[in-house]
């Protein structure tokens, strides 16, 4: 049976230094996401979730370990190479949204598609129709409601039909009804074969995920528990 793994992260570490003080944001995090699977990453603020997503997306470099997407190593490369691989393989939906403020929704999608020449399998019009924004294609981001902004950001993230979608709190500022719409869209794309990883505090997002992992102090919860058991065993 062919390996259906889209995202593979192995032993990710991320250290930050401020003078002589060192912060360990990630401590040996490993995970995999398969094609068509939705994985939710949960944990308290400061546990390393956003740092993890940035490393998985190639927006930040891990201090140790590696990230592979569709078998291609994206970590420990120059930024220009990471940007090219990200545009081709990964859709990223950030809390701050991924829309240029002075460009229409339609042109935001088109600009994202231009990053990968010849790749657009779906037109901007069709993609906006999929997220229910066909009639808002000419609107500027400031003219959209919170729910519309979330769906427009998702359209941009999906502009190049990525094999992997990474979303950081995609429903964090939405009401319950709009949250269900956005989560439904994420599940639809997973059903089409996209691997989806969602960093979230939302119980609704956790319920629609196929798997859930927790982070605590930069470690996966299971790994943290194993290390505690090892320490207890040596006492």
Protein backbone atom coordinates (compact mmCIF):
# COMPACT_ATOMS: atom_id res chain seq x y z
CA UNK A 1 0.00 0.00 0.00
CA UNK A 2 1.43 3.41 -0.95
CA UNK A 3 2.42 5.78 1.86
CA UNK A 4 -0.35 8.37 2.12
CA UNK A 5 1.61 10.65 4.46
CA UNK A 6 1.52 14.26 3.27
CA UNK A 7 3.11 16.00 6.26
CA UNK A 8 5.88 14.44 8.34
CA UNK A 9 7.64 16.34 11.12
CA UNK A 10 10.45 14.60 13.00
CA UNK A 11 11.87 15.66 16.36
CA UNK A 12 11.28 19.40 15.95
CA UNK A 13 13.09 21.70 18.35
CA UNK A 14 12.90 25.49 18.41
CA UNK A 15 15.05 27.63 20.71
CA UNK A 16 14.94 31.40 21.08
CA UNK A 17 17.64 33.47 22.76
CA UNK A 18 17.30 36.88 24.38
CA UNK A 19 20.67 37.82 25.81
CA UNK A 20 21.68 34.94 28.04
CA UNK A 21 18.13 33.69 28.44
CA UNK A 22 16.97 30.76 26.31
CA UNK A 23 13.35 29.82 25.62
CA UNK A 24 12.52 26.28 24.46
CA UNK A 25 9.40 26.69 22.35
CA UNK A 26 9.41 23.17 20.86
CA UNK A 27 11.03 20.12 22.43
CA UNK A 28 11.19 17.16 20.09
CA UNK A 29 7.73 17.30 18.48
CA UNK A 30 6.97 14.64 15.86
CA UNK A 31 3.74 14.19 13.92
CA UNK A 32 2.26 12.93 10.66
CA UNK A 33 -0.85 13.86 8.71
CA UNK A 34 -2.17 11.61 5.97
CA UNK A 35 -4.03 12.49 2.80
CA UNK A 36 -7.70 13.19 3.57
CA UNK A 37 -7.08 13.43 7.32
CA UNK A 38 -7.85 16.33 9.66
CA UNK A 39 -5.56 16.70 12.69
CA UNK A 40 -6.32 19.16 15.49
CA UNK A 41 -3.47 20.49 17.65
CA UNK A 42 -4.63 21.78 21.03
CA UNK A 43 -2.99 23.20 24.13
CA UNK A 44 -2.88 26.26 26.36
CA UNK A 45 -1.49 29.61 25.24
CA UNK A 46 2.31 29.47 25.23
CA UNK A 47 2.45 25.72 24.65
CA UNK A 48 4.14 26.11 21.26
CA UNK A 49 1.21 25.63 18.88
CA UNK A 50 1.80 28.70 16.69
CA UNK A 51 5.56 28.08 16.67
CA UNK A 52 4.89 24.54 15.51
CA UNK A 53 2.61 25.71 12.70
CA UNK A 54 5.19 28.28 11.55
CA UNK A 55 7.87 25.57 11.36
CA UNK A 56 5.54 23.19 9.53
CA UNK A 57 4.72 25.91 6.98
CA UNK A 58 8.33 26.90 6.42
CA UNK A 59 7.62 30.38 7.81
CA UNK A 60 10.16 29.69 10.55
CA UNK A 61 13.13 27.32 10.73
CA UNK A 62 13.30 24.67 13.46
CA UNK A 63 16.51 24.63 15.48
CA UNK A 64 16.57 20.86 15.10
CA UNK A 65 14.64 18.14 13.32
CA UNK A 66 13.03 18.31 9.89
CA UNK A 67 9.73 18.85 8.08
CA UNK A 68 8.76 17.05 4.87
CA UNK A 69 5.69 17.73 2.73
CA UNK A 70 4.82 15.19 0.04
CA UNK A 71 8.25 13.68 0.69
CA UNK A 72 10.08 16.95 0.01
CA UNK A 73 12.14 18.48 2.81
CA UNK A 74 10.98 22.04 3.41
CA UNK A 75 13.07 22.81 6.50
CA UNK A 76 16.71 23.93 6.53
CA UNK A 77 16.55 25.58 3.13
CA UNK A 78 17.02 29.21 2.07
CA UNK A 79 13.87 31.32 2.44
CA UNK A 80 13.47 31.65 -1.34
CA UNK A 81 13.30 27.86 -1.68
CA UNK A 82 10.91 27.52 1.26
CA UNK A 83 8.63 30.17 -0.26
CA UNK A 84 8.57 28.34 -3.58
CA UNK A 85 7.80 24.99 -1.95
CA UNK A 86 5.16 26.56 0.28
CA UNK A 87 3.38 28.14 -2.69
CA UNK A 88 3.34 24.79 -4.50
CA UNK A 89 2.47 22.39 -1.68
CA UNK A 90 0.97 24.25 1.30
CA UNK A 91 -2.01 26.47 1.98
CA UNK A 92 -1.64 28.59 5.11
CA UNK A 93 -4.49 30.32 6.95
CA UNK A 94 -3.21 32.53 9.77
CA UNK A 95 -5.05 34.28 12.60
CA UNK A 96 -4.08 37.65 11.12
CA UNK A 97 -5.65 36.50 7.84
CA UNK A 98 -3.79 36.29 4.55
CA UNK A 99 -5.42 39.04 2.52
CA UNK A 100 -3.86 42.16 1.01
CA UNK A 101 -6.07 45.01 2.28
CA UNK A 102 -6.15 47.18 -0.87
CA UNK A 103 -6.87 44.36 -3.32
CA UNK A 104 -10.26 42.79 -4.05
CA UNK A 105 -11.05 39.31 -2.81
CA UNK A 106 -10.88 37.93 -6.36
CA UNK A 107 -7.49 39.54 -7.02
CA UNK A 108 -6.15 38.24 -3.70
CA UNK A 109 -6.86 34.73 -4.96
CA UNK A 110 -5.39 35.49 -8.39
CA UNK A 111 -2.19 36.88 -6.88
CA UNK A 112 -1.74 33.72 -4.84
CA UNK A 113 -2.23 31.64 -8.00
CA UNK A 114 0.41 33.62 -9.88
CA UNK A 115 3.01 32.42 -7.38
CA UNK A 116 2.83 29.02 -9.09
CA UNK A 117 2.68 29.45 -12.83
CA UNK A 118 0.42 27.04 -14.67
CA UNK A 119 -0.81 25.48 -11.41
CA UNK A 120 -4.32 26.95 -11.05
CA UNK A 121 -6.62 23.98 -11.53
CA UNK A 122 -9.57 26.00 -10.22
CA UNK A 123 -10.39 29.55 -11.31
CA UNK A 124 -10.67 32.33 -8.72
CA UNK A 125 -14.38 32.62 -9.54
CA UNK A 126 -15.02 28.92 -8.96
CA UNK A 127 -12.99 28.90 -5.74
CA UNK A 128 -14.89 31.87 -4.34
CA UNK A 129 -18.10 30.10 -5.28
CA UNK A 130 -17.00 27.08 -3.24
CA UNK A 131 -16.63 29.23 -0.12
CA UNK A 132 -19.87 31.13 -0.77
CA UNK A 133 -18.30 34.44 -1.82
CA UNK A 134 -19.02 34.55 -5.55
CA UNK A 135 -21.11 37.72 -5.11
CA UNK A 136 -18.38 39.38 -3.02
CA UNK A 137 -15.53 38.82 -5.47
CA UNK A 138 -14.99 42.54 -6.13
CA UNK A 139 -15.20 43.57 -2.46
CA UNK A 140 -12.16 44.78 -0.54
CA UNK A 141 -11.27 42.97 2.70
CA UNK A 142 -12.42 45.94 4.83
CA UNK A 143 -15.89 45.59 3.30
CA UNK A 144 -16.29 42.00 4.50
CA UNK A 145 -17.79 40.69 7.72
CA UNK A 146 -15.74 38.51 10.06
CA UNK A 147 -17.20 35.33 8.61
CA UNK A 148 -16.62 36.51 5.06
CA UNK A 149 -13.00 37.37 5.91
CA UNK A 150 -12.45 33.87 7.25
CA UNK A 151 -13.88 32.32 4.07
CA UNK A 152 -11.91 34.69 1.81
CA UNK A 153 -8.71 33.79 3.68
CA UNK A 154 -9.52 30.12 3.18
CA UNK A 155 -10.01 30.71 -0.56
CA UNK A 156 -6.54 32.29 -0.76
CA UNK A 157 -5.03 29.39 1.21
CA UNK A 158 -6.62 26.94 -1.24
CA UNK A 159 -5.75 28.97 -4.37
CA UNK A 160 -3.22 26.46 -5.69
CA UNK A 161 -5.05 23.27 -4.67
CA UNK A 162 -2.42 22.42 -2.01
CA UNK A 163 -1.93 18.92 -0.71
CA UNK A 164 -1.61 20.33 2.80
CA UNK A 165 -3.67 23.01 4.56
CA UNK A 166 -2.38 24.53 7.81
CA UNK A 167 -4.82 26.72 9.76
CA UNK A 168 -4.05 28.73 12.90
CA UNK A 169 -7.26 29.34 14.90
CA UNK A 170 -9.39 29.60 11.74
CA UNK A 171 -12.61 30.03 13.74
CA UNK A 172 -11.26 31.97 16.72
CA UNK A 173 -13.31 35.16 16.14
CA UNK A 174 -16.41 33.67 14.56
CA UNK A 175 -19.91 33.11 15.89
CA UNK A 176 -21.15 29.54 16.21
CA UNK A 177 -23.04 29.43 12.92
CA UNK A 178 -20.17 30.85 10.86
CA UNK A 179 -17.71 28.57 12.65
CA UNK A 180 -19.70 25.55 11.48
CA UNK A 181 -19.61 26.85 7.88
CA UNK A 182 -15.81 27.25 7.94
CA UNK A 183 -15.28 23.87 9.60
CA UNK A 184 -17.55 22.29 7.00
CA UNK A 185 -15.39 23.79 4.24
CA UNK A 186 -12.24 22.39 5.85
CA UNK A 187 -13.81 18.94 6.04
CA UNK A 188 -14.94 19.16 2.42
CA UNK A 189 -11.38 19.77 1.28
CA UNK A 190 -10.10 16.95 3.46
CA UNK A 191 -12.68 14.69 1.79
CA UNK A 192 -11.16 15.69 -1.57
CA UNK A 193 -7.77 14.41 -0.42
CA UNK A 194 -6.23 17.45 1.25
CA UNK A 195 -4.34 16.86 4.52
CA UNK A 196 -5.56 19.39 7.10
CA UNK A 197 -3.88 20.48 10.34
CA UNK A 198 -5.73 22.94 12.56
CA UNK A 199 -4.26 24.70 15.59
CA UNK A 200 -7.27 25.50 17.73
CA UNK A 201 -8.89 26.18 21.09
CA UNK A 202 -12.33 25.40 19.63
CA UNK A 203 -14.25 22.40 20.91
CA UNK A 204 -16.22 22.37 17.64
CA UNK A 205 -12.99 22.11 15.61
CA UNK A 206 -11.80 19.27 17.82
CA UNK A 207 -15.06 17.38 17.24
CA UNK A 208 -14.68 17.42 13.44
CA UNK A 209 -11.03 16.27 13.54
CA UNK A 210 -10.03 12.69 12.83
CA UNK A 211 -7.24 12.89 15.41
CA UNK A 212 -6.21 15.28 18.17
CA UNK A 213 -2.79 15.86 19.70
CA UNK A 214 -1.99 18.14 22.61
CA UNK A 215 1.02 20.33 23.28
CA UNK A 216 2.30 21.27 26.72
CA UNK A 217 5.54 23.18 27.29
CA UNK A 218 6.62 22.54 23.71
CA UNK A 219 6.10 18.77 23.83
CA UNK A 220 3.29 16.55 22.66
CA UNK A 221 1.19 15.52 25.64
CA UNK A 222 1.98 11.82 25.14
CA UNK A 223 5.71 12.53 24.96
CA UNK A 224 5.52 14.68 28.08
CA UNK A 225 3.72 11.88 29.94
CA UNK A 226 6.29 9.31 28.83
CA UNK A 227 9.15 11.45 30.05
CA UNK A 228 7.43 11.93 33.41
CA UNK A 229 6.98 8.17 33.73
CA UNK A 230 10.66 7.69 32.94
CA UNK A 231 11.64 10.22 35.62
CA UNK A 232 9.33 8.58 38.16
CA UNK A 233 10.78 5.14 37.35
CA UNK A 234 14.32 6.30 38.14
CA UNK A 235 13.40 7.67 41.58
